[in-house]
Amino acid sequence: MFAANSFADLSALTINPFAHLSTLVSPVIMQTYVIVMIVLVAAGTLFDIIHKRSAAYFFANWRDSKGKARQQVGGGEMVAIAVQTAVVDVLASGEFCNARRRLAHLLTMYGFVVYLITTVMMVFCYPTTGAPTPRWLPLLWYIGGLMVCVGGYWFWFFIRVDVAAEGNSPFRFERADMFVVSLVLSVTFGLLWAYAETTGHVRFSYFLLGLFLIVTTFLFVSIPWSKFSHMFFKSAAALEKRISKANGSAQNLPTLTRDDPEQQKRHSMELLRSAPMRMGLGIKREAPRHY
């Protein structure tokens, strides 16, 4: 009995929960909701750009970098930099030096991409039980959602700087945490609702569906006040940084070595102008593992 029930429950992971819901809610309503969320993403990101003047700062910094360039970057080199930016900084999250933080970020990022794409496919391509959903599609949706949960909860409880380094409670919540918390809770409630919906727990599924819609709506409505829109600026900022290093402007920042005569001149202490970057053991301290 238990084995049969377990098999039946696992088979629910290959059922499209949105098609199952179409017996109660019109597919048009679900599709309209998804479109509204997409519009909120675009509108919230645009508002964030205008309100914070992110685009204006980016283009002003870009012009300033070109004006201070010590050498020209050719077309072939520009393409190579763009490819390197896409592969290292965007696809591999190369800005994270901490391996655990990078892995948690990649799990969350790729999981959300898979979860989002499969959601759109199930809602728009297979909205009802009359259009049979390929069994792999809901399963992929669950896998993407679980990736978000693993990466998000791992980061929240074990990797966050204020928890891992400062010893604060993992349940401490601030405005900066709004994006991560709403994202993880949205996906969590979505997975729980889908499982309850496809396994026949009708009343419980209604409650979870309400939580899922409330948190998901908050996730997309709160874009101007959360870190959601940073994903759109990340690649542009990484590209600008690499180009500024290639053309010699380096965003007017010092290089990573004191062997550069120009950087030696910048040092305020005469005795340290010719000193190597790694000079002695220095003050014994904890290894920089949090960032």
C-alpha atoms as a PDB file:
ATOM      1  CA  MET A   1       0.000   0.000   0.000  1.00  0.00           C
ATOM      2  CA  PHE A   2       2.713   2.463   1.010  1.00  0.00           C
ATOM      3  CA  ALA A   3       4.842   1.676  -2.042  1.00  0.00           C
ATOM      4  CA  ALA A   4       1.899   2.156  -4.381  1.00  0.00           C
ATOM      5  CA  ASN A   5       0.957   5.482  -2.776  1.00  0.00           C
ATOM      6  CA  SER A   6       4.560   6.658  -2.902  1.00  0.00           C
ATOM      7  CA  PHE A   7       4.763   5.813  -6.603  1.00  0.00           C
ATOM      8  CA  ALA A   8       1.515   7.671  -7.243  1.00  0.00           C
ATOM      9  CA  ASP A   9       2.787  10.706  -5.344  1.00  0.00           C
ATOM     10  CA  LEU A  10       6.052  10.743  -7.312  1.00  0.00           C
ATOM     11  CA  SER A  11       4.136  10.470 -10.573  1.00  0.00           C
ATOM     12  CA  ALA A  12       2.474  13.786  -9.654  1.00  0.00           C
ATOM     13  CA  LEU A  13       5.803  15.459 -10.419  1.00  0.00           C
ATOM     14  CA  THR A  14       5.181  14.814 -14.124  1.00  0.00           C
ATOM     15  CA  ILE A  15       1.693  16.420 -14.134  1.00  0.00           C
ATOM     16  CA  ASN A  16       1.220  20.011 -15.281  1.00  0.00           C
ATOM     17  CA  PRO A  17      -0.288  21.734 -12.199  1.00  0.00           C
ATOM     18  CA  PHE A  18      -1.519  24.695 -14.250  1.00  0.00           C
ATOM     19  CA  ALA A  19      -3.451  22.451 -16.636  1.00  0.00           C
ATOM     20  CA  HIS A  20      -4.880  20.692 -13.601  1.00  0.00           C
ATOM     21  CA  LEU A  21      -5.940  24.086 -12.210  1.00  0.00           C
ATOM     22  CA  SER A  22      -7.686  24.975 -15.485  1.00  0.00           C
ATOM     23  CA  THR A  23     -10.733  22.978 -14.352  1.00  0.00           C
ATOM     24  CA  LEU A  24     -11.271  25.696 -11.749  1.00  0.00           C
ATOM     25  CA  VAL A  25      -9.615  28.805 -13.230  1.00  0.00           C
ATOM     26  CA  SER A  26      -9.762  29.809 -16.885  1.00  0.00           C
ATOM     27  CA  PRO A  27      -6.417  29.497 -18.703  1.00  0.00           C
ATOM     28  CA  VAL A  28      -6.975  33.050 -19.969  1.00  0.00           C
ATOM     29  CA  ILE A  29      -6.849  34.326 -16.389  1.00  0.00           C
ATOM     30  CA  MET A  30      -3.593  32.471 -15.728  1.00  0.00           C
ATOM     31  CA  GLN A  31      -2.059  33.730 -18.960  1.00  0.00           C
ATOM     32  CA  THR A  32      -3.176  37.286 -18.220  1.00  0.00           C
ATOM     33  CA  TYR A  33      -1.577  37.068 -14.769  1.00  0.00           C
ATOM     34  CA  VAL A  34       1.751  35.958 -16.283  1.00  0.00           C
ATOM     35  CA  ILE A  35       1.628  38.807 -18.819  1.00  0.00           C
ATOM     36  CA  VAL A  36       0.902  41.323 -16.048  1.00  0.00           C
ATOM     37  CA  MET A  37       3.911  40.030 -14.084  1.00  0.00           C
ATOM     38  CA  ILE A  38       6.128  40.426 -17.168  1.00  0.00           C
ATOM     39  CA  VAL A  39       4.873  44.002 -17.604  1.00  0.00           C
ATOM     40  CA  LEU A  40       5.615  44.672 -13.922  1.00  0.00           C
ATOM     41  CA  VAL A  41       9.192  43.456 -14.419  1.00  0.00           C
ATOM     42  CA  ALA A  42       9.687  45.797 -17.390  1.00  0.00           C
ATOM     43  CA  ALA A  43       7.974  48.752 -15.720  1.00  0.00           C
ATOM     44  CA  GLY A  44       9.733  48.214 -12.378  1.00  0.00           C
ATOM     45  CA  THR A  45      13.141  47.946 -14.028  1.00  0.00           C
ATOM     46  CA  LEU A  46      12.505  51.090 -16.082  1.00  0.00           C
ATOM     47  CA  PHE A  47      11.375  52.966 -12.984  1.00  0.00           C
ATOM     48  CA  ASP A  48      14.470  51.759 -11.133  1.00  0.00           C
ATOM     49  CA  ILE A  49      16.733  52.996 -13.947  1.00  0.00           C
ATOM     50  CA  ILE A  50      15.095  56.432 -14.000  1.00  0.00           C
ATOM     51  CA  HIS A  51      14.765  56.816 -10.232  1.00  0.00           C
ATOM     52  CA  LYS A  52      18.317  55.731  -9.390  1.00  0.00           C
ATOM     53  CA  ARG A  53      19.770  57.247 -12.599  1.00  0.00           C
ATOM     54  CA  SER A  54      21.604  53.985 -13.192  1.00  0.00           C
ATOM     55  CA  ALA A  55      21.649  54.300 -16.979  1.00  0.00           C
ATOM     56  CA  ALA A  56      22.786  57.930 -16.828  1.00  0.00           C
ATOM     57  CA  TYR A  57      25.630  56.988 -14.484  1.00  0.00           C
ATOM     58  CA  PHE A  58      26.612  54.046 -16.667  1.00  0.00           C
ATOM     59  CA  PHE A  59      26.844  56.047 -19.893  1.00  0.00           C
ATOM     60  CA  ALA A  60      28.587  58.967 -18.163  1.00  0.00           C
ATOM     61  CA  ASN A  61      31.161  56.580 -16.701  1.00  0.00           C
ATOM     62  CA  TRP A  62      31.532  54.919 -20.092  1.00  0.00           C
ATOM     63  CA  ARG A  63      32.302  58.275 -21.770  1.00  0.00           C
ATOM     64  CA  ASP A  64      34.705  59.185 -18.967  1.00  0.00           C
ATOM     65  CA  SER A  65      36.503  55.869 -19.381  1.00  0.00           C
ATOM     66  CA  LYS A  66      36.880  56.400 -23.123  1.00  0.00           C
ATOM     67  CA  GLY A  67      38.216  59.905 -22.529  1.00  0.00           C
ATOM     68  CA  LYS A  68      40.912  58.618 -20.149  1.00  0.00           C
ATOM     69  CA  ALA A  69      41.821  55.612 -22.282  1.00  0.00           C
ATOM     70  CA  ARG A  70      45.548  55.148 -22.798  1.00  0.00           C
ATOM     71  CA  GLN A  71      45.075  52.785 -25.737  1.00  0.00           C
ATOM     72  CA  GLN A  72      42.362  51.926 -28.205  1.00  0.00           C
ATOM     73  CA  VAL A  73      40.439  48.658 -27.995  1.00  0.00           C
ATOM     74  CA  GLY A  74      39.973  47.118 -31.433  1.00  0.00           C
ATOM     75  CA  GLY A  75      36.856  45.419 -32.725  1.00  0.00           C
ATOM     76  CA  GLY A  76      38.254  41.900 -32.350  1.00  0.00           C
ATOM     77  CA  GLU A  77      39.399  42.594 -28.795  1.00  0.00           C
ATOM     78  CA  MET A  78      36.001  44.116 -28.001  1.00  0.00           C
ATOM     79  CA  VAL A  79      34.253  40.941 -29.177  1.00  0.00           C
ATOM     80  CA  ALA A  80      36.638  38.818 -27.090  1.00  0.00           C
ATOM     81  CA  ILE A  81      35.925  40.977 -24.026  1.00  0.00           C
ATOM     82  CA  ALA A  82      32.174  40.696 -24.608  1.00  0.00           C
ATOM     83  CA  VAL A  83      32.413  36.889 -24.881  1.00  0.00           C
ATOM     84  CA  GLN A  84      34.598  36.701 -21.771  1.00  0.00           C
ATOM     85  CA  THR A  85      32.129  38.879 -19.881  1.00  0.00           C
ATOM     86  CA  ALA A  86      29.198  36.698 -20.930  1.00  0.00           C
ATOM     87  CA  VAL A  87      30.931  33.430 -20.029  1.00  0.00           C
ATOM     88  CA  VAL A  88      32.859  34.384 -16.872  1.00  0.00           C
ATOM     89  CA  ASP A  89      30.885  37.197 -15.259  1.00  0.00           C
ATOM     90  CA  VAL A  90      27.315  36.391 -16.324  1.00  0.00           C
ATOM     91  CA  LEU A  91      27.059  32.646 -16.939  1.00  0.00           C
ATOM     92  CA  ALA A  92      29.632  31.592 -14.316  1.00  0.00           C
ATOM     93  CA  SER A  93      29.146  34.455 -11.799  1.00  0.00           C
ATOM     94  CA  GLY A  94      32.887  35.081 -11.768  1.00  0.00           C
ATOM     95  CA  GLU A  95      32.587  38.095  -9.463  1.00  0.00           C
ATOM     96  CA  PHE A  96      32.180  35.729  -6.488  1.00  0.00           C
ATOM     97  CA  CYS A  97      35.527  34.612  -5.073  1.00  0.00           C
ATOM     98  CA  ASN A  98      33.899  32.471  -2.413  1.00  0.00           C
ATOM     99  CA  ALA A  99      33.139  29.059  -3.938  1.00  0.00           C
ATOM    100  CA  ARG A 100      30.113  28.383  -1.714  1.00  0.00           C
ATOM    101  CA  ARG A 101      28.600  31.783  -2.457  1.00  0.00           C
ATOM    102  CA  ARG A 102      29.127  31.318  -6.187  1.00  0.00           C
ATOM    103  CA  LEU A 103      27.567  27.849  -6.151  1.00  0.00           C
ATOM    104  CA  ALA A 104      24.546  29.079  -4.190  1.00  0.00           C
ATOM    105  CA  HIS A 105      24.142  31.972  -6.621  1.00  0.00           C
ATOM    106  CA  LEU A 106      24.409  29.707  -9.674  1.00  0.00           C
ATOM    107  CA  LEU A 107      21.882  27.247  -8.263  1.00  0.00           C
ATOM    108  CA  THR A 108      19.430  30.060  -7.574  1.00  0.00           C
ATOM    109  CA  MET A 109      20.004  31.835 -10.890  1.00  0.00           C
ATOM    110  CA  TYR A 110      19.810  28.830 -13.211  1.00  0.00           C
ATOM    111  CA  GLY A 111      17.049  27.260 -11.177  1.00  0.00           C
ATOM    112  CA  PHE A 112      14.944  30.397 -11.491  1.00  0.00           C
ATOM    113  CA  VAL A 113      15.590  30.607 -15.251  1.00  0.00           C
ATOM    114  CA  VAL A 114      14.468  26.979 -15.716  1.00  0.00           C
ATOM    115  CA  TYR A 115      11.505  27.467 -13.368  1.00  0.00           C
ATOM    116  CA  LEU A 116      10.402  30.638 -15.178  1.00  0.00           C
ATOM    117  CA  ILE A 117      10.730  29.276 -18.721  1.00  0.00           C
ATOM    118  CA  THR A 118       8.908  26.050 -17.924  1.00  0.00           C
ATOM    119  CA  THR A 119       6.149  27.998 -16.158  1.00  0.00           C
ATOM    120  CA  VAL A 120       5.559  30.106 -19.265  1.00  0.00           C
ATOM    121  CA  MET A 121       5.605  27.002 -21.478  1.00  0.00           C
ATOM    122  CA  MET A 122       3.064  25.136 -19.350  1.00  0.00           C
ATOM    123  CA  VAL A 123       0.725  28.130 -18.974  1.00  0.00           C
ATOM    124  CA  PHE A 124       0.750  29.173 -22.630  1.00  0.00           C
ATOM    125  CA  CYS A 125       1.521  25.980 -24.607  1.00  0.00           C
ATOM    126  CA  TYR A 126      -0.287  23.373 -22.495  1.00  0.00           C
ATOM    127  CA  PRO A 127      -2.921  25.347 -20.555  1.00  0.00           C
ATOM    128  CA  THR A 128      -5.522  22.568 -20.232  1.00  0.00           C
ATOM    129  CA  THR A 129      -5.684  18.821 -19.806  1.00  0.00           C
ATOM    130  CA  GLY A 130      -6.957  18.697 -23.397  1.00  0.00           C
ATOM    131  CA  ALA A 131      -3.443  19.588 -24.559  1.00  0.00           C
ATOM    132  CA  PRO A 132      -1.290  16.806 -23.021  1.00  0.00           C
ATOM    133  CA  THR A 133       1.863  18.175 -21.412  1.00  0.00           C
ATOM    134  CA  PRO A 134       5.127  16.294 -22.056  1.00  0.00           C
ATOM    135  CA  ARG A 135       6.030  14.497 -18.839  1.00  0.00           C
ATOM    136  CA  TRP A 136       9.538  15.982 -18.763  1.00  0.00           C
ATOM    137  CA  LEU A 137       8.253  19.575 -18.661  1.00  0.00           C
ATOM    138  CA  PRO A 138       6.621  19.551 -15.180  1.00  0.00           C
ATOM    139  CA  LEU A 139       9.538  17.470 -13.900  1.00  0.00           C
ATOM    140  CA  LEU A 140      11.963  20.100 -15.178  1.00  0.00           C
ATOM    141  CA  TRP A 141       9.792  22.766 -13.513  1.00  0.00           C
ATOM    142  CA  TYR A 142      10.117  20.989 -10.164  1.00  0.00           C
ATOM    143  CA  ILE A 143      13.873  20.568 -10.614  1.00  0.00           C
ATOM    144  CA  GLY A 144      14.293  24.286 -11.367  1.00  0.00           C
ATOM    145  CA  GLY A 145      12.211  25.213  -8.346  1.00  0.00           C
ATOM    146  CA  LEU A 146      14.196  22.887  -6.083  1.00  0.00           C
ATOM    147  CA  MET A 147      17.435  24.430  -7.346  1.00  0.00           C
ATOM    148  CA  VAL A 148      16.130  27.860  -6.323  1.00  0.00           C
ATOM    149  CA  CYS A 149      15.204  26.553  -2.883  1.00  0.00           C
ATOM    150  CA  VAL A 150      18.542  24.814  -2.315  1.00  0.00           C
ATOM    151  CA  GLY A 151      20.583  27.826  -3.414  1.00  0.00           C
ATOM    152  CA  GLY A 152      18.333  30.378  -1.705  1.00  0.00           C
ATOM    153  CA  TYR A 153      17.975  28.665   1.664  1.00  0.00           C
ATOM    154  CA  TRP A 154      21.646  27.705   1.697  1.00  0.00           C
ATOM    155  CA  PHE A 155      22.590  31.337   1.161  1.00  0.00           C
ATOM    156  CA  TRP A 156      20.014  32.637   3.667  1.00  0.00           C
ATOM    157  CA  PHE A 157      20.860  30.363   6.591  1.00  0.00           C
ATOM    158  CA  PHE A 158      24.583  29.678   6.133  1.00  0.00           C
ATOM    159  CA  ILE A 159      26.363  32.032   3.707  1.00  0.00           C
ATOM    160  CA  ARG A 160      24.995  35.529   4.347  1.00  0.00           C
ATOM    161  CA  VAL A 161      27.727  37.781   5.724  1.00  0.00           C
ATOM    162  CA  ASP A 162      25.666  39.090   8.644  1.00  0.00           C
ATOM    163  CA  VAL A 163      24.968  35.484   9.683  1.00  0.00           C
ATOM    164  CA  ALA A 164      28.232  33.691   8.857  1.00  0.00           C
ATOM    165  CA  ALA A 165      30.611  36.508   9.838  1.00  0.00           C
ATOM    166  CA  GLU A 166      28.710  38.718  12.263  1.00  0.00           C
ATOM    167  CA  GLY A 167      26.777  36.045  14.121  1.00  0.00           C
ATOM    168  CA  ASN A 168      23.326  37.553  13.605  1.00  0.00           C
ATOM    169  CA  SER A 169      20.208  35.411  13.610  1.00  0.00           C
ATOM    170  CA  PRO A 170      19.395  33.838  10.220  1.00  0.00           C
ATOM    171  CA  PHE A 171      15.808  35.035  10.747  1.00  0.00           C
ATOM    172  CA  ARG A 172      16.884  38.676  10.922  1.00  0.00           C
ATOM    173  CA  PHE A 173      15.199  40.494   8.035  1.00  0.00           C
ATOM    174  CA  GLU A 174      16.059  43.839   6.454  1.00  0.00           C
ATOM    175  CA  ARG A 175      14.957  45.617   3.307  1.00  0.00           C
ATOM    176  CA  ALA A 176      18.017  44.362   1.421  1.00  0.00           C
ATOM    177  CA  ASP A 177      16.783  40.808   2.003  1.00  0.00           C
ATOM    178  CA  MET A 178      13.401  41.439   0.385  1.00  0.00           C
ATOM    179  CA  PHE A 179      14.314  40.017  -3.020  1.00  0.00           C
ATOM    180  CA  VAL A 180      15.876  36.774  -1.792  1.00  0.00           C
ATOM    181  CA  VAL A 181      13.128  36.084   0.752  1.00  0.00           C
ATOM    182  CA  SER A 182      10.239  36.799  -1.626  1.00  0.00           C
ATOM    183  CA  LEU A 183      11.874  34.766  -4.414  1.00  0.00           C
ATOM    184  CA  VAL A 184      12.503  31.692  -2.276  1.00  0.00           C
ATOM    185  CA  LEU A 185       9.090  31.834  -0.597  1.00  0.00           C
ATOM    186  CA  SER A 186       7.334  32.304  -3.937  1.00  0.00           C
ATOM    187  CA  VAL A 187       8.991  29.221  -5.406  1.00  0.00           C
ATOM    188  CA  THR A 188       8.489  27.218  -2.192  1.00  0.00           C
ATOM    189  CA  PHE A 189       4.760  27.947  -2.054  1.00  0.00           C
ATOM    190  CA  GLY A 190       4.528  27.264  -5.789  1.00  0.00           C
ATOM    191  CA  LEU A 191       6.070  23.813  -5.453  1.00  0.00           C
ATOM    192  CA  LEU A 192       3.945  22.940  -2.429  1.00  0.00           C
ATOM    193  CA  TRP A 193       0.776  24.144  -4.160  1.00  0.00           C
ATOM    194  CA  ALA A 194       1.550  22.181  -7.327  1.00  0.00           C
ATOM    195  CA  TYR A 195       2.166  18.980  -5.393  1.00  0.00           C
ATOM    196  CA  ALA A 196      -1.019  19.421  -3.347  1.00  0.00           C
ATOM    197  CA  GLU A 197      -2.983  20.292  -6.503  1.00  0.00           C
ATOM    198  CA  THR A 198      -1.902  17.212  -8.443  1.00  0.00           C
ATOM    199  CA  THR A 199      -2.201  14.763  -5.527  1.00  0.00           C
ATOM    200  CA  GLY A 200      -5.809  15.653  -4.696  1.00  0.00           C
ATOM    201  CA  HIS A 201      -5.343  17.707  -1.500  1.00  0.00           C
ATOM    202  CA  VAL A 202      -7.889  20.241  -2.731  1.00  0.00           C
ATOM    203  CA  ARG A 203      -8.508  22.378   0.359  1.00  0.00           C
ATOM    204  CA  PHE A 204      -4.850  22.564   1.250  1.00  0.00           C
ATOM    205  CA  SER A 205      -4.023  23.462  -2.352  1.00  0.00           C
ATOM    206  CA  TYR A 206      -6.376  26.469  -2.227  1.00  0.00           C
ATOM    207  CA  PHE A 207      -4.538  27.829   0.821  1.00  0.00           C
ATOM    208  CA  LEU A 208      -1.122  27.287  -0.779  1.00  0.00           C
ATOM    209  CA  LEU A 209      -2.301  28.797  -4.070  1.00  0.00           C
ATOM    210  CA  GLY A 210      -3.314  31.964  -2.203  1.00  0.00           C
ATOM    211  CA  LEU A 211       0.107  32.221  -0.548  1.00  0.00           C
ATOM    212  CA  PHE A 212       1.813  31.503  -3.864  1.00  0.00           C
ATOM    213  CA  LEU A 213      -0.049  34.298  -5.663  1.00  0.00           C
ATOM    214  CA  ILE A 214       0.409  36.826  -2.846  1.00  0.00           C
ATOM    215  CA  VAL A 215       4.173  36.318  -2.524  1.00  0.00           C
ATOM    216  CA  THR A 216       4.719  36.079  -6.292  1.00  0.00           C
ATOM    217  CA  THR A 217       2.821  39.311  -6.878  1.00  0.00           C
ATOM    218  CA  PHE A 218       4.861  40.994  -4.144  1.00  0.00           C
ATOM    219  CA  LEU A 219       8.090  39.697  -5.740  1.00  0.00           C
ATOM    220  CA  PHE A 220       7.342  41.419  -9.045  1.00  0.00           C
ATOM    221  CA  VAL A 221       5.622  44.524  -7.657  1.00  0.00           C
ATOM    222  CA  SER A 222       8.571  45.257  -5.337  1.00  0.00           C
ATOM    223  CA  ILE A 223      11.178  45.298  -8.115  1.00  0.00           C
ATOM    224  CA  PRO A 224      12.042  49.041  -7.741  1.00  0.00           C
ATOM    225  CA  TRP A 225      12.805  48.471  -4.041  1.00  0.00           C
ATOM    226  CA  SER A 226      14.578  45.110  -4.265  1.00  0.00           C
ATOM    227  CA  LYS A 227      17.666  43.644  -5.933  1.00  0.00           C
ATOM    228  CA  PHE A 228      15.664  42.032  -8.749  1.00  0.00           C
ATOM    229  CA  SER A 229      16.671  44.575 -11.377  1.00  0.00           C
ATOM    230  CA  HIS A 230      20.383  44.219 -10.589  1.00  0.00           C
ATOM    231  CA  MET A 231      20.506  41.196 -12.889  1.00  0.00           C
ATOM    232  CA  PHE A 232      19.949  43.538 -15.832  1.00  0.00           C
ATOM    233  CA  PHE A 233      22.816  45.869 -14.822  1.00  0.00           C
ATOM    234  CA  LYS A 234      25.262  43.139 -13.878  1.00  0.00           C
ATOM    235  CA  SER A 235      26.426  42.259 -17.385  1.00  0.00           C
ATOM    236  CA  ALA A 236      26.733  45.906 -18.463  1.00  0.00           C
ATOM    237  CA  ALA A 237      28.794  46.822 -15.400  1.00  0.00           C
ATOM    238  CA  ALA A 238      31.045  43.779 -15.868  1.00  0.00           C
ATOM    239  CA  LEU A 239      31.600  44.656 -19.541  1.00  0.00           C
ATOM    240  CA  GLU A 240      32.459  48.255 -18.681  1.00  0.00           C
ATOM    241  CA  LYS A 241      34.953  47.113 -16.037  1.00  0.00           C
ATOM    242  CA  ARG A 242      36.764  44.797 -18.434  1.00  0.00           C
ATOM    243  CA  ILE A 243      36.919  47.414 -21.187  1.00  0.00           C
ATOM    244  CA  SER A 244      38.262  50.046 -18.768  1.00  0.00           C
ATOM    245  CA  LYS A 245      41.063  47.665 -17.825  1.00  0.00           C
ATOM    246  CA  ALA A 246      41.798  46.875 -21.461  1.00  0.00           C
ATOM    247  CA  ASN A 247      42.015  50.540 -22.528  1.00  0.00           C
ATOM    248  CA  GLY A 248      44.172  51.493 -19.529  1.00  0.00           C
ATOM    249  CA  SER A 249      41.737  53.787 -17.757  1.00  0.00           C
ATOM    250  CA  ALA A 250      40.868  51.150 -15.096  1.00  0.00           C
ATOM    251  CA  GLN A 251      38.012  53.395 -13.904  1.00  0.00           C
ATOM    252  CA  ASN A 252      40.717  55.632 -12.366  1.00  0.00           C
ATOM    253  CA  LEU A 253      41.481  52.898  -9.795  1.00  0.00           C
ATOM    254  CA  PRO A 254      44.937  51.563  -8.844  1.00  0.00           C
ATOM    255  CA  THR A 255      46.123  48.293 -10.328  1.00  0.00           C
ATOM    256  CA  LEU A 256      46.664  45.176  -8.228  1.00  0.00           C
ATOM    257  CA  THR A 257      50.452  45.473  -8.064  1.00  0.00           C
ATOM    258  CA  ARG A 258      52.943  47.982  -6.657  1.00  0.00           C
ATOM    259  CA  ASP A 259      55.433  47.041  -9.384  1.00  0.00           C
ATOM    260  CA  ASP A 260      53.724  49.556 -11.627  1.00  0.00           C
ATOM    261  CA  PRO A 261      55.733  52.814 -11.320  1.00  0.00           C
ATOM    262  CA  GLU A 262      52.546  54.864 -11.566  1.00  0.00           C
ATOM    263  CA  GLN A 263      51.085  53.036  -8.568  1.00  0.00           C
ATOM    264  CA  GLN A 264      54.302  53.419  -6.584  1.00  0.00           C
ATOM    265  CA  LYS A 265      54.003  57.164  -6.929  1.00  0.00           C
ATOM    266  CA  ARG A 266      50.471  57.091  -5.538  1.00  0.00           C
ATOM    267  CA  HIS A 267      51.578  55.608  -2.187  1.00  0.00           C
ATOM    268  CA  SER A 268      51.680  58.127   0.663  1.00  0.00           C
ATOM    269  CA  MET A 269      54.567  56.450   2.544  1.00  0.00           C
ATOM    270  CA  GLU A 270      58.047  56.800   1.078  1.00  0.00           C
ATOM    271  CA  LEU A 271      59.262  53.490   2.548  1.00  0.00           C
ATOM    272  CA  LEU A 272      56.431  51.492   0.960  1.00  0.00           C
ATOM    273  CA  ARG A 273      56.581  52.899  -2.561  1.00  0.00           C
ATOM    274  CA  SER A 274      58.916  50.157  -3.733  1.00  0.00           C
ATOM    275  CA  ALA A 275      57.592  47.427  -1.435  1.00  0.00           C
ATOM    276  CA  PRO A 276      56.071  44.269  -2.978  1.00  0.00           C
ATOM    277  CA  MET A 277      52.351  43.694  -2.717  1.00  0.00           C
ATOM    278  CA  ARG A 278      52.799  40.761  -0.311  1.00  0.00           C
ATOM    279  CA  MET A 279      55.178  42.151   2.276  1.00  0.00           C
ATOM    280  CA  GLY A 280      55.504  39.826   5.288  1.00  0.00           C
ATOM    281  CA  LEU A 281      52.708  38.099   7.164  1.00  0.00           C
ATOM    282  CA  GLY A 282      51.036  41.321   8.256  1.00  0.00           C
ATOM    283  CA  ILE A 283      48.410  41.257  10.986  1.00  0.00           C
ATOM    284  CA  LYS A 284      47.114  37.768  11.642  1.00  0.00           C
ATOM    285  CA  ARG A 285      43.437  37.720  10.808  1.00  0.00           C
ATOM    286  CA  GLU A 286      40.677  35.509   9.570  1.00  0.00           C
ATOM    287  CA  ALA A 287      40.904  34.517   5.919  1.00  0.00           C
ATOM    288  CA  PRO A 288      38.613  36.623   3.657  1.00  0.00           C
ATOM    289  CA  ARG A 289      36.122  33.836   2.970  1.00  0.00           C
ATOM    290  CA  HIS A 290      32.834  35.715   3.161  1.00  0.00           C
ATOM    291  CA  TYR A 291      32.809  37.654  -0.098  1.00  0.00           C
END
